[in-house]
Every structure is written in structure tokens, then in C-alpha cells.
Amino acid sequence: MPQFLVAIHHPAGFKSDSVDAATRADIDALNAEMKAKDIIRFVGGLQSETLAKSMWKHPDGRVRVTDGPYLETKEFIGGFWVLECPSIDEAVEWGQKAATACRTPVEVRPFH
């Protein structure tokens, strides 16, 4: 069955402790609903983008490591689910529920 990434986007500098109790309860309820449907293959929240390490290979073969995210943007992936669903339409339905529960933009993408 196809798998999909459901990514939660947060603004730069987002602090997870700023999430209110109602939002946490809605996310917990969504996780419980996904578990009951047995579609979660992995779920995880990410720490601040300021803790990221980025690396890329130089022409001489060395791999350079720098602090911070690779891309400079105003939003970053703050957490995600890997869901196993029969179709992208169903994954999008779960993404809509995630956007509602998390109160933030969500992106749904299929895996190869």
C-alpha cells in the first residue's frame, strides 16, 4: 500500500512549549484516530531548526557540515507522520485533519 508524508510546517523560531492545551488534545485525538485505523507507520516531532546540521559534498570530495538548516526559509517542518493509505485522496483527508488539529499548514507528499 502507498505511503505518504504528512508534514507539519511551523514558523522560524517556533517553540513547541507554546502549543496550548486544546491544540495538544486535538493532536492526541488525531493520533488516536490514526492508530485506530492502523495507518501510522511513523510519527515524530522535530526540535528547533536552529539545532539542525546541514552538509554537502564539495568537488574535492570533502563533506562540509554547517550549523542550521540547509535552506533559509520562514517556515520549517516541525513534525510529521508517515501514513499508509490506499490513495493520495485519503492521505489528503488526513492532512486536512492534521491542519485542523495542529492549526498550522500541512503538506502531503507520496513516497516513491
N, C-alpha and C. Protein backbone atom coordinates (compact mmCIF):
# COMPACT_ATOMS: atom_id res chain seq x y z
N MET A 1 0.84 -1.18 0.00
CA MET A 1 0.00 0.00 0.00
C MET A 1 0.89 1.24 0.00
N PRO A 2 0.50 2.30 -0.71
CA PRO A 2 1.32 3.51 -0.78
C PRO A 2 1.49 4.19 0.58
N GLN A 3 2.64 4.84 0.73
CA GLN A 3 2.92 5.60 1.94
C GLN A 3 3.04 7.07 1.59
N PHE A 4 2.66 7.92 2.57
CA PHE A 4 2.62 9.36 2.36
C PHE A 4 3.24 10.07 3.56
N LEU A 5 3.94 11.14 3.27
CA LEU A 5 4.46 12.03 4.30
C LEU A 5 3.42 13.12 4.52
N VAL A 6 3.03 13.30 5.77
CA VAL A 6 2.15 14.40 6.16
C VAL A 6 3.00 15.28 7.05
N ALA A 7 3.48 16.40 6.50
CA ALA A 7 4.45 17.26 7.19
C ALA A 7 3.76 18.50 7.75
N ILE A 8 4.08 18.80 9.00
CA ILE A 8 3.55 19.98 9.69
C ILE A 8 4.59 21.09 9.56
N HIS A 9 4.15 22.28 9.16
CA HIS A 9 5.06 23.41 8.99
C HIS A 9 4.87 24.41 10.12
N HIS A 10 5.99 24.87 10.66
CA HIS A 10 5.99 25.87 11.73
C HIS A 10 6.82 27.07 11.29
N PRO A 11 6.49 28.24 11.83
CA PRO A 11 7.31 29.42 11.51
C PRO A 11 8.69 29.31 12.15
N ALA A 12 9.66 29.98 11.56
CA ALA A 12 11.01 30.01 12.14
C ALA A 12 10.91 30.47 13.60
N GLY A 13 11.68 29.83 14.47
CA GLY A 13 11.70 30.19 15.87
C GLY A 13 10.55 29.62 16.69
N PHE A 14 9.72 28.75 16.09
CA PHE A 14 8.59 28.15 16.80
C PHE A 14 9.08 27.40 18.03
N LYS A 15 8.38 27.55 19.12
CA LYS A 15 8.69 26.84 20.37
C LYS A 15 7.55 25.87 20.67
N SER A 16 7.88 24.60 20.78
CA SER A 16 6.84 23.59 21.00
C SER A 16 6.08 23.82 22.30
N ASP A 17 6.73 24.44 23.29
CA ASP A 17 6.02 24.69 24.55
C ASP A 17 4.99 25.81 24.43
N SER A 18 4.90 26.45 23.26
CA SER A 18 3.90 27.49 23.05
C SER A 18 2.55 26.92 22.61
N VAL A 19 2.49 25.62 22.35
CA VAL A 19 1.25 24.99 21.91
C VAL A 19 0.31 24.87 23.12
N ASP A 20 -0.91 25.36 22.95
CA ASP A 20 -1.85 25.35 24.07
C ASP A 20 -2.44 23.96 24.29
N ALA A 21 -3.10 23.81 25.44
CA ALA A 21 -3.64 22.50 25.84
C ALA A 21 -4.70 22.00 24.87
N ALA A 22 -5.52 22.90 24.32
CA ALA A 22 -6.57 22.47 23.39
C ALA A 22 -5.95 21.90 22.11
N THR A 23 -4.89 22.53 21.62
CA THR A 23 -4.22 22.03 20.42
C THR A 23 -3.59 20.67 20.70
N ARG A 24 -2.92 20.55 21.85
CA ARG A 24 -2.31 19.26 22.20
C ARG A 24 -3.37 18.16 22.28
N ALA A 25 -4.52 18.48 22.86
CA ALA A 25 -5.60 17.49 22.96
C ALA A 25 -6.11 17.09 21.58
N ASP A 26 -6.23 18.07 20.67
CA ASP A 26 -6.68 17.75 19.31
C ASP A 26 -5.66 16.88 18.57
N ILE A 27 -4.38 17.15 18.77
CA ILE A 27 -3.33 16.33 18.14
C ILE A 27 -3.35 14.92 18.72
N ASP A 28 -3.50 14.81 20.03
CA ASP A 28 -3.59 13.48 20.66
C ASP A 28 -4.78 12.70 20.12
N ALA A 29 -5.92 13.38 19.95
CA ALA A 29 -7.12 12.72 19.42
C ALA A 29 -6.89 12.27 17.98
N LEU A 30 -6.22 13.10 17.18
CA LEU A 30 -5.91 12.72 15.80
C LEU A 30 -4.99 11.51 15.77
N ASN A 31 -3.96 11.52 16.60
CA ASN A 31 -3.05 10.36 16.67
C ASN A 31 -3.82 9.09 17.05
N ALA A 32 -4.73 9.21 18.01
CA ALA A 32 -5.52 8.04 18.43
C ALA A 32 -6.39 7.54 17.28
N GLU A 33 -6.98 8.47 16.51
CA GLU A 33 -7.81 8.09 15.37
C GLU A 33 -6.97 7.39 14.30
N MET A 34 -5.78 7.92 14.03
CA MET A 34 -4.89 7.30 13.05
C MET A 34 -4.45 5.92 13.50
N LYS A 35 -4.14 5.78 14.80
CA LYS A 35 -3.73 4.47 15.33
C LYS A 35 -4.88 3.47 15.23
N ALA A 36 -6.10 3.92 15.52
CA ALA A 36 -7.26 3.03 15.44
C ALA A 36 -7.48 2.54 14.01
N LYS A 37 -7.16 3.36 13.02
CA LYS A 37 -7.28 2.98 11.61
C LYS A 37 -6.05 2.21 11.13
N ASP A 38 -5.03 2.10 11.98
CA ASP A 38 -3.78 1.37 11.67
C ASP A 38 -3.11 1.90 10.40
N ILE A 39 -3.02 3.24 10.30
CA ILE A 39 -2.37 3.82 9.12
C ILE A 39 -1.03 4.46 9.44
N ILE A 40 -0.73 4.66 10.74
CA ILE A 40 0.55 5.29 11.11
C ILE A 40 1.67 4.28 10.96
N ARG A 41 2.70 4.65 10.22
CA ARG A 41 3.91 3.84 10.14
C ARG A 41 5.03 4.49 10.94
N PHE A 42 4.98 5.80 11.09
CA PHE A 42 5.94 6.53 11.92
C PHE A 42 5.37 7.92 12.17
N VAL A 43 5.65 8.45 13.34
CA VAL A 43 5.26 9.82 13.67
C VAL A 43 6.36 10.42 14.53
N GLY A 44 6.65 11.69 14.31
CA GLY A 44 7.69 12.33 15.12
C GLY A 44 7.63 13.84 15.03
N GLY A 45 7.96 14.46 16.13
CA GLY A 45 8.11 15.91 16.18
C GLY A 45 9.60 16.24 16.11
N LEU A 46 9.91 17.36 15.51
CA LEU A 46 11.30 17.77 15.36
C LEU A 46 11.62 18.93 16.29
N GLN A 47 12.83 18.95 16.80
CA GLN A 47 13.27 20.07 17.61
C GLN A 47 13.52 21.28 16.71
N SER A 48 13.86 22.39 17.30
CA SER A 48 14.03 23.66 16.59
C SER A 48 14.98 23.53 15.40
N GLU A 49 14.65 24.28 14.34
CA GLU A 49 15.52 24.30 13.16
C GLU A 49 16.91 24.83 13.48
N THR A 50 17.04 25.56 14.58
CA THR A 50 18.35 26.08 14.97
C THR A 50 19.30 24.97 15.40
N LEU A 51 18.77 23.79 15.69
CA LEU A 51 19.60 22.66 16.09
C LEU A 51 20.00 21.77 14.92
N ALA A 52 19.53 22.13 13.73
CA ALA A 52 19.83 21.33 12.53
C ALA A 52 21.31 21.43 12.17
N LYS A 53 21.79 20.42 11.51
CA LYS A 53 23.12 20.39 10.89
C LYS A 53 22.91 20.11 9.41
N SER A 54 23.58 20.86 8.57
CA SER A 54 23.47 20.67 7.13
C SER A 54 24.82 20.28 6.56
N MET A 55 24.80 19.43 5.55
CA MET A 55 26.05 19.01 4.94
C MET A 55 25.89 18.84 3.45
N TRP A 56 26.97 19.08 2.74
CA TRP A 56 27.01 18.86 1.30
C TRP A 56 28.44 18.55 0.89
N LYS A 57 28.53 17.80 -0.19
CA LYS A 57 29.82 17.35 -0.69
C LYS A 57 30.42 18.39 -1.64
N HIS A 58 31.68 18.72 -1.40
CA HIS A 58 32.42 19.63 -2.27
C HIS A 58 33.04 18.85 -3.42
N PRO A 59 33.42 19.54 -4.49
CA PRO A 59 34.04 18.86 -5.64
C PRO A 59 35.29 18.06 -5.27
N ASP A 60 36.02 18.49 -4.21
CA ASP A 60 37.23 17.77 -3.82
C ASP A 60 36.93 16.52 -2.99
N GLY A 61 35.64 16.24 -2.77
CA GLY A 61 35.26 15.04 -2.04
C GLY A 61 34.97 15.26 -0.57
N ARG A 62 35.40 16.39 -0.02
CA ARG A 62 35.11 16.67 1.39
C ARG A 62 33.62 16.96 1.57
N VAL A 63 33.11 16.60 2.72
CA VAL A 63 31.74 16.93 3.07
C VAL A 63 31.79 18.03 4.13
N ARG A 64 31.20 19.15 3.81
CA ARG A 64 31.19 20.29 4.72
C ARG A 64 29.93 20.21 5.59
N VAL A 65 30.10 20.46 6.89
CA VAL A 65 28.99 20.45 7.85
C VAL A 65 28.86 21.85 8.42
N THR A 66 27.64 22.38 8.38
CA THR A 66 27.39 23.70 8.96
C THR A 66 26.22 23.62 9.93
N ASP A 67 26.15 24.58 10.82
CA ASP A 67 25.03 24.67 11.76
C ASP A 67 23.83 25.29 11.07
N GLY A 68 22.65 24.82 11.44
CA GLY A 68 21.41 25.39 10.93
C GLY A 68 20.87 24.64 9.74
N PRO A 69 19.67 25.02 9.34
CA PRO A 69 19.02 24.34 8.21
C PRO A 69 19.72 24.65 6.90
N TYR A 70 19.57 23.77 5.94
CA TYR A 70 20.18 23.95 4.63
C TYR A 70 19.54 25.13 3.90
N LEU A 71 18.23 25.19 3.94
CA LEU A 71 17.51 26.27 3.26
C LEU A 71 17.17 27.38 4.24
N GLU A 72 17.29 28.60 3.80
CA GLU A 72 16.86 29.73 4.60
C GLU A 72 15.43 30.08 4.20
N THR A 73 14.50 29.74 5.07
CA THR A 73 13.09 29.99 4.81
C THR A 73 12.43 30.56 6.06
N LYS A 74 11.18 30.94 5.93
CA LYS A 74 10.43 31.46 7.07
C LYS A 74 9.67 30.36 7.79
N GLU A 75 9.58 29.18 7.17
CA GLU A 75 8.88 28.05 7.78
C GLU A 75 9.72 26.79 7.63
N PHE A 76 9.55 25.89 8.60
CA PHE A 76 10.30 24.64 8.62
C PHE A 76 9.38 23.50 9.00
N ILE A 77 9.76 22.29 8.63
CA ILE A 77 8.99 21.12 9.06
C ILE A 77 9.21 20.95 10.56
N GLY A 78 8.11 20.94 11.29
CA GLY A 78 8.18 20.83 12.74
C GLY A 78 7.86 19.43 13.23
N GLY A 79 7.24 18.64 12.40
CA GLY A 79 6.87 17.27 12.76
C GLY A 79 6.23 16.62 11.56
N PHE A 80 5.99 15.32 11.67
CA PHE A 80 5.43 14.62 10.52
C PHE A 80 4.88 13.26 10.91
N TRP A 81 4.03 12.77 10.05
CA TRP A 81 3.54 11.39 10.10
C TRP A 81 3.95 10.72 8.81
N VAL A 82 4.24 9.45 8.86
CA VAL A 82 4.30 8.61 7.67
C VAL A 82 3.08 7.71 7.76
N LEU A 83 2.17 7.89 6.81
CA LEU A 83 0.92 7.15 6.81
C LEU A 83 0.88 6.19 5.64
N GLU A 84 0.21 5.08 5.84
CA GLU A 84 -0.02 4.11 4.78
C GLU A 84 -1.51 4.16 4.46
N CYS A 85 -1.83 4.66 3.28
CA CYS A 85 -3.22 4.85 2.85
C CYS A 85 -3.40 4.30 1.45
N PRO A 86 -4.63 3.92 1.09
CA PRO A 86 -4.85 3.38 -0.24
C PRO A 86 -4.68 4.39 -1.37
N SER A 87 -4.83 5.70 -1.06
CA SER A 87 -4.75 6.69 -2.13
C SER A 87 -4.29 8.04 -1.57
N ILE A 88 -3.85 8.90 -2.49
CA ILE A 88 -3.47 10.25 -2.06
C ILE A 88 -4.69 11.02 -1.58
N ASP A 89 -5.85 10.70 -2.13
CA ASP A 89 -7.07 11.38 -1.68
C ASP A 89 -7.32 11.13 -0.20
N GLU A 90 -7.13 9.89 0.24
CA GLU A 90 -7.31 9.59 1.66
C GLU A 90 -6.21 10.26 2.49
N ALA A 91 -4.98 10.25 1.98
CA ALA A 91 -3.89 10.91 2.70
C ALA A 91 -4.17 12.41 2.86
N VAL A 92 -4.74 13.02 1.82
CA VAL A 92 -5.10 14.44 1.88
C VAL A 92 -6.19 14.67 2.93
N GLU A 93 -7.13 13.75 3.05
CA GLU A 93 -8.16 13.87 4.09
C GLU A 93 -7.51 13.88 5.47
N TRP A 94 -6.52 13.01 5.68
CA TRP A 94 -5.80 13.01 6.96
C TRP A 94 -4.99 14.29 7.11
N GLY A 95 -4.42 14.79 6.02
CA GLY A 95 -3.70 16.05 6.07
C GLY A 95 -4.60 17.20 6.47
N GLN A 96 -5.84 17.20 5.98
CA GLN A 96 -6.79 18.24 6.37
C GLN A 96 -7.10 18.16 7.86
N LYS A 97 -7.23 16.94 8.37
CA LYS A 97 -7.46 16.78 9.81
C LYS A 97 -6.25 17.26 10.60
N ALA A 98 -5.05 16.99 10.06
CA ALA A 98 -3.82 17.43 10.73
C ALA A 98 -3.73 18.95 10.76
N ALA A 99 -4.09 19.61 9.65
CA ALA A 99 -4.06 21.07 9.60
C ALA A 99 -5.03 21.66 10.62
N THR A 100 -6.16 21.02 10.79
CA THR A 100 -7.15 21.48 11.77
C THR A 100 -6.64 21.27 13.19
N ALA A 101 -6.13 20.07 13.47
CA ALA A 101 -5.67 19.76 14.82
C ALA A 101 -4.45 20.59 15.21
N CYS A 102 -3.51 20.72 14.29
CA CYS A 102 -2.25 21.40 14.60
C CYS A 102 -2.34 22.92 14.43
N ARG A 103 -3.38 23.37 13.71
CA ARG A 103 -3.57 24.81 13.49
C ARG A 103 -2.38 25.44 12.78
N THR A 104 -1.89 24.72 11.78
CA THR A 104 -0.71 25.15 11.03
C THR A 104 -0.76 24.54 9.63
N PRO A 105 -0.01 25.08 8.68
CA PRO A 105 -0.01 24.48 7.34
C PRO A 105 0.53 23.05 7.34
N VAL A 106 0.00 22.25 6.43
CA VAL A 106 0.39 20.84 6.30
C VAL A 106 0.64 20.55 4.83
N GLU A 107 1.62 19.69 4.58
CA GLU A 107 1.94 19.24 3.23
C GLU A 107 1.83 17.73 3.19
N VAL A 108 1.20 17.20 2.16
CA VAL A 108 1.08 15.75 1.95
C VAL A 108 1.85 15.41 0.68
N ARG A 109 2.76 14.43 0.79
CA ARG A 109 3.53 14.01 -0.39
C ARG A 109 3.67 12.49 -0.38
N PRO A 110 3.52 11.87 -1.55
CA PRO A 110 3.73 10.42 -1.64
C PRO A 110 5.22 10.07 -1.66
N PHE A 111 5.54 8.91 -1.13
CA PHE A 111 6.88 8.36 -1.25
C PHE A 111 6.98 7.64 -2.60
N HIS A 112 8.20 7.48 -3.09
CA HIS A 112 8.41 6.70 -4.33
C HIS A 112 8.11 5.25 -4.03
